[in-house]
Amino acid sequence: MVAVALLHAAFTCAMIGVIWFVQLCHYPLFALVGVEAFPAFEAAYTRSTVFVIVPLMLGELVTALWLAFGPLPGPLRPLGWWSLALLALIWASTFLVQVPLHHQLSAGFDAAIHERLVRTNWIRTTVWSGRGFLAMGLLWRALPSTH
């Protein structure tokens, strides 16, 4: 169980780094690309981002499922369920909000859609950060006691 908790914490922390980079650096820079170049930029962004984000998100999902449904001891079980519930919220936001906004932007830059993308991405940024605390707490509680 410790190995899965460690792997889960690693996937979660990696996604926290990615989402904060996207929120503070990458998404705001979309506005500087220019209207003419934006459709090609958005297509390239989407294609290249998939190779970084999909393996991390899938690894996080698999380990979260294992922790929620696996043989966690009683006191840790609620942490596993909360972690999975927050991950479901992140996935819902991703596929119901951010992906459709990216799809709209693929037709061309629109300042209002871009602003919505940046604003609504705070949902994922905040929730992923909270998941980091849960993942680290779960890992801490799963480690063998040293006293």
Protein backbone atom coordinates (compact mmCIF):
# COMPACT_ATOMS: atom_id res chain seq x y z
CA MET A 1 0.00 0.00 0.00
CA VAL A 2 2.87 2.39 0.73
CA ALA A 3 4.16 2.02 -2.83
CA VAL A 4 0.76 2.91 -4.32
CA ALA A 5 0.36 5.86 -1.93
CA LEU A 6 3.84 7.08 -2.92
CA LEU A 7 3.11 6.69 -6.63
CA HIS A 8 -0.24 8.43 -6.18
CA ALA A 9 1.40 11.34 -4.36
CA ALA A 10 3.98 11.60 -7.16
CA PHE A 11 1.32 11.72 -9.90
CA THR A 12 -0.73 14.24 -7.92
CA CYS A 13 2.25 16.49 -7.18
CA ALA A 14 3.30 16.38 -10.84
CA MET A 15 -0.21 17.47 -11.87
CA ILE A 16 -0.16 20.24 -9.27
CA GLY A 17 3.02 21.58 -10.88
CA VAL A 18 1.50 21.31 -14.34
CA ILE A 19 -1.79 22.99 -13.42
CA TRP A 20 -0.12 25.92 -11.63
CA PHE A 21 2.21 26.42 -14.62
CA VAL A 22 -0.77 26.33 -16.97
CA GLN A 23 -2.82 28.68 -14.78
CA LEU A 24 -0.16 31.31 -14.11
CA CYS A 25 1.99 31.14 -17.24
CA HIS A 26 0.59 29.18 -20.14
CA TYR A 27 -3.09 30.14 -20.34
CA PRO A 28 -2.45 33.88 -19.84
CA LEU A 29 0.06 33.80 -22.72
CA PHE A 30 -2.64 32.61 -25.14
CA ALA A 31 -3.71 36.25 -25.50
CA LEU A 32 -0.30 37.15 -26.96
CA VAL A 33 -0.31 34.61 -29.80
CA GLY A 34 -2.32 36.75 -32.19
CA VAL A 35 -5.59 36.11 -33.96
CA GLU A 36 -4.02 34.92 -37.23
CA ALA A 37 -1.71 32.32 -35.66
CA PHE A 38 -4.03 31.19 -32.88
CA PRO A 39 -5.83 28.24 -34.56
CA ALA A 40 -2.51 26.62 -35.48
CA PHE A 41 -1.13 27.40 -32.01
CA GLU A 42 -4.19 25.89 -30.28
CA ALA A 43 -3.97 22.73 -32.40
CA ALA A 44 -0.25 22.34 -31.63
CA TYR A 45 -0.83 23.11 -27.95
CA THR A 46 -3.55 20.47 -27.70
CA ARG A 47 -1.52 17.81 -29.53
CA SER A 48 1.65 18.35 -27.49
CA THR A 49 -0.04 18.78 -24.11
CA VAL A 50 -1.75 15.40 -24.40
CA PHE A 51 1.61 13.61 -24.17
CA VAL A 52 2.37 15.21 -20.80
CA ILE A 53 -1.05 15.38 -19.17
CA VAL A 54 -2.77 12.13 -20.19
CA PRO A 55 -0.19 9.72 -18.66
CA LEU A 56 -0.11 11.74 -15.43
CA MET A 57 -3.90 11.99 -15.17
CA LEU A 58 -4.37 8.28 -15.94
CA GLY A 59 -1.69 7.31 -13.40
CA GLU A 60 -3.36 9.51 -10.83
CA LEU A 61 -6.77 8.00 -11.60
CA VAL A 62 -5.59 4.38 -11.41
CA THR A 63 -3.78 4.93 -8.11
CA ALA A 64 -6.72 6.94 -6.68
CA LEU A 65 -9.10 4.10 -7.58
CA TRP A 66 -6.78 1.57 -5.99
CA LEU A 67 -6.54 3.64 -2.81
CA ALA A 68 -10.30 4.19 -2.63
CA PHE A 69 -11.33 0.60 -3.39
CA GLY A 70 -8.22 -1.25 -2.22
CA PRO A 71 -7.41 -2.64 1.19
CA LEU A 72 -6.86 0.65 3.03
CA PRO A 73 -7.01 0.37 6.80
CA GLY A 74 -10.13 1.88 8.37
CA PRO A 75 -8.71 5.31 9.37
CA LEU A 76 -7.28 5.86 5.87
CA ARG A 77 -10.37 4.85 3.92
CA PRO A 78 -12.05 8.31 4.16
CA LEU A 79 -8.90 9.95 2.77
CA GLY A 80 -9.00 7.59 -0.21
CA TRP A 81 -12.66 8.38 -0.87
CA TRP A 82 -12.21 12.15 -0.50
CA SER A 83 -9.24 12.01 -2.83
CA LEU A 84 -11.25 10.13 -5.45
CA ALA A 85 -14.22 12.50 -5.09
CA LEU A 86 -11.98 15.52 -5.67
CA LEU A 87 -10.41 13.80 -8.67
CA ALA A 88 -13.90 13.22 -10.09
CA LEU A 89 -14.54 16.95 -9.72
CA ILE A 90 -11.31 17.72 -11.58
CA TRP A 91 -12.19 15.32 -14.39
CA ALA A 92 -15.71 16.75 -14.63
CA SER A 93 -14.32 20.28 -14.86
CA THR A 94 -11.76 19.18 -17.45
CA PHE A 95 -14.19 17.41 -19.77
CA LEU A 96 -17.29 19.52 -19.21
CA VAL A 97 -15.67 22.98 -19.06
CA GLN A 98 -12.02 23.29 -20.15
CA VAL A 99 -12.07 20.84 -23.09
CA PRO A 100 -15.18 22.49 -24.65
CA LEU A 101 -13.57 25.93 -24.20
CA HIS A 102 -10.41 24.69 -25.93
CA HIS A 103 -12.59 23.31 -28.69
CA GLN A 104 -14.23 26.72 -29.12
CA LEU A 105 -10.80 28.39 -29.17
CA SER A 106 -9.61 25.97 -31.87
CA ALA A 107 -11.86 27.87 -34.32
CA GLY A 108 -10.04 31.11 -33.48
CA PHE A 109 -9.07 33.30 -30.57
CA ASP A 110 -11.95 34.87 -28.70
CA ALA A 111 -11.07 37.07 -25.71
CA ALA A 112 -14.26 36.20 -23.80
CA ILE A 113 -13.74 32.45 -24.21
CA HIS A 114 -10.08 32.82 -23.26
CA GLU A 115 -11.08 34.75 -20.13
CA ARG A 116 -13.56 31.99 -19.23
CA LEU A 117 -10.85 29.37 -19.71
CA VAL A 118 -8.46 31.18 -17.36
CA ARG A 119 -11.19 31.90 -14.79
CA THR A 120 -12.74 28.41 -14.76
CA ASN A 121 -9.34 26.73 -14.63
CA TRP A 122 -9.04 28.02 -11.05
CA ILE A 123 -11.45 25.18 -10.18
CA ARG A 124 -8.90 22.59 -11.23
CA THR A 125 -5.97 24.54 -9.82
CA THR A 126 -7.58 24.84 -6.39
CA VAL A 127 -8.94 21.30 -6.23
CA TRP A 128 -5.68 19.73 -7.42
CA SER A 129 -3.82 21.69 -4.76
CA GLY A 130 -6.24 20.35 -2.14
CA ARG A 131 -5.74 16.84 -3.47
CA GLY A 132 -2.02 17.32 -2.92
CA PHE A 133 -2.61 17.82 0.79
CA LEU A 134 -4.80 14.70 0.87
CA ALA A 135 -2.27 12.64 -1.08
CA MET A 136 0.56 13.70 1.21
CA GLY A 137 -1.59 13.05 4.29
CA LEU A 138 -2.49 9.63 3.01
CA LEU A 139 1.15 8.86 2.26
CA TRP A 140 2.22 10.11 5.70
CA ARG A 141 -0.39 7.93 7.42
CA ALA A 142 0.52 4.90 5.25
CA LEU A 143 4.22 5.06 6.10
CA PRO A 144 5.35 2.70 8.85
CA SER A 145 5.60 4.38 12.24
CA THR A 146 9.13 5.11 13.40
CA HIS A 147 8.38 5.32 17.11
